[in-house]
Amino acid sequence: MSLTGSGEAVQLRGEIVSWELFPLLKIQLPLGRGFQPDDEDPGARTVIVSHSLWKTTLEGDVGIIGRTINLDREPYLVVGVAPARIQFPRGGEQVQVWTTLAIDARSATVQPVTQQRGARMLSVMGRLRDGVSIQQAGAQMNRIAGSLAERYPQRKSAVSGYVSTVRAGRRGGRRARSAAVPARRCGPCAPAGVR
């Protein structure tokens, strides 16, 4: 994504996420709010900025909440600033902005990726329910993958999935337990963070 509006354009690393991501990971924003369900409506353009982007490029302006910034020449309403310690997703470059799946929903020329059966561009996360092991969630994942393979035999590639732990951050000195899951309806899993 490109931040424009004052001076030269600044290239940013951005992530498109569902509105549930920050609550799923139990991340409290120090400034502003997290995403809400209507932030995924086709006309919505909301953004959460990283703490480092806020401190440097946006000059630590506490008044940034409720203002717009231009990303890829489109106005986005800044609704929150992420905590300094957050690095999600793990690995790779530091994310500087998060926006919602609304960016996918508002396409006038192509079917949204979230509605394409064969699209494999989304990673899905969920939080394990108390008392559920990674092995139990993996077994449920295998049942779901098998069911999808039977339901959609015309798919040329095998339907598969896996469950692994994700270190989303530390809360009170303990590691948060979350797992990658295939869909919202994973029996032993709480609702997933992506549709």
Foldseek 3Di string as FASTA:
>chain_A
DWWDDPPDIDDFAEAAFAQCVCVQLVFDFPAFDGGDNCLQALVHAAKEFEPVCCVPVVVVDSVQQQAWTADPNDTYHYGGYGDNPFAPPPDDDGGGMYGYNSVQVNDPPDHRLVPDPPRDPDWKKFFFDPPDDQVNLQVLQVVVQVVVCVVCVVDPDRRHDHWDFGQRDDDPNDGGGMITGDAQPRPRTHGMRHD
